[in-house]
Amino acid sequence: MGAAALALAMVAGSYFLAQRGGAPAIAQAASDTAILAQIAAKDSTGDGLPDWEKPLYGIPLDATTTDYFRLGMTDGEAAAKGLIIPKAPTLAAASASTTADTASELAAAGIDRVPAAGSLTDAFAKDFFALYVSASENAGGTLTSDQIDDLAGQAMDQLESQVAPAPDFKTAAELATSGTGPAALASYAANAEAIVGRYDPRLPESQLDYLEDYLTTQDPADLTNLAAIAAFYQNVAVGLAALPAPAELAATHLALVNALARTGEEIGDFSRTDTDPLAAMLALETHGQTVLALAQAFTALKSAYQAEGVTLAPGAPGASFVNTMDAVASAGAQTP
């Protein structure tokens, strides 16, 4: 279902990102599960420890060596042999205090760089270390790699339960309505198309394509493009929020604005895969539901236009916006 939702969103995205082209080909969505696995396995230094796991052992996120502790073996081999263990005491103390300065605590422990205070990776590390201390005490010694993997899974579950969904960008009371009927619907489509065109970054690929490309090539341009797409969705959400909608579109207009804003927020988190990998992972896990909400909003818009018998000839103001609705609704009808 998540992959189907992502595919639907790519249809809308391809139209959004190619307003001058009329009817671009439907973009193929990459597997969100495969990309999530890429982020989880990403090992920038090749030391055998994925990036998200390095801070657990006190290895800087920007380390360039595979043998950070100079033990004559890779960090992954050292962790597997129990020669390096998580920095449990320091982070456990920081986790127990609501006022402790985590960065200062870790600096005192000799750790050069940690995830930014308040980041999801930082929160994950605190949860992990608290679990590690408890498990070590219960086991009466060093934990096996399988036990540590199990603790990482528990810490991820804890983090997901602690992260509250972001509030909607707008409420119904904050949006205006104006007019009703075919003329109002045609005007709304023309104005919405103009807003989309104003912020369109004219990029040929989707957010998932750029994320997957970056994980493969480490090309900074991919992160720049992700940031541009995130800004596009957020700017369009702001622009549409200021646009009065016909009365019959009020609820759908609200859903569209909030789905666009949330999509932009999640894509922004994708671009933080190097500095806060856990934020990127969690954003990817929720992205399917967000883009499904976006697809549903476009489908509801199409139904409203059909009910009023509103059609716009190719090239007419608002036609490409209506084409986006048609493409998304048609793809949704073909999805099992």
Foldseek 3Di string as FASTA:
>chain_A
DLLLLQQLLQLLVQLLQCVVPQHDDRAHFDDLVVLLVLLCQQDPQPLQHHLLCCVQQLHALPDNHQCVPPPVHGPNVCVQVVVTGGPQPQLQVVLVDPPDDSVVSVVVVVRDDDFDPPFLSSQLSSQLSNVVVVVCVVVVHDDHPVVSVVSSVVSLVVSVVPDDDDDFPDDLVLAAADADAQVLLLVLLLQLSVQSVVLRPNDNHDLNVLLVVCSVPVDVVSLVVLLSQLVSLQSSLVSLRHDHHHPVCSVLSSLQSRLSNLLSVLSNQSSCSSRRVSSVSVSSVCNSVSSSSNLVSLLVSLVVCVVRVHADDPPPRSNSVVVSSVSSNVSVVVDD
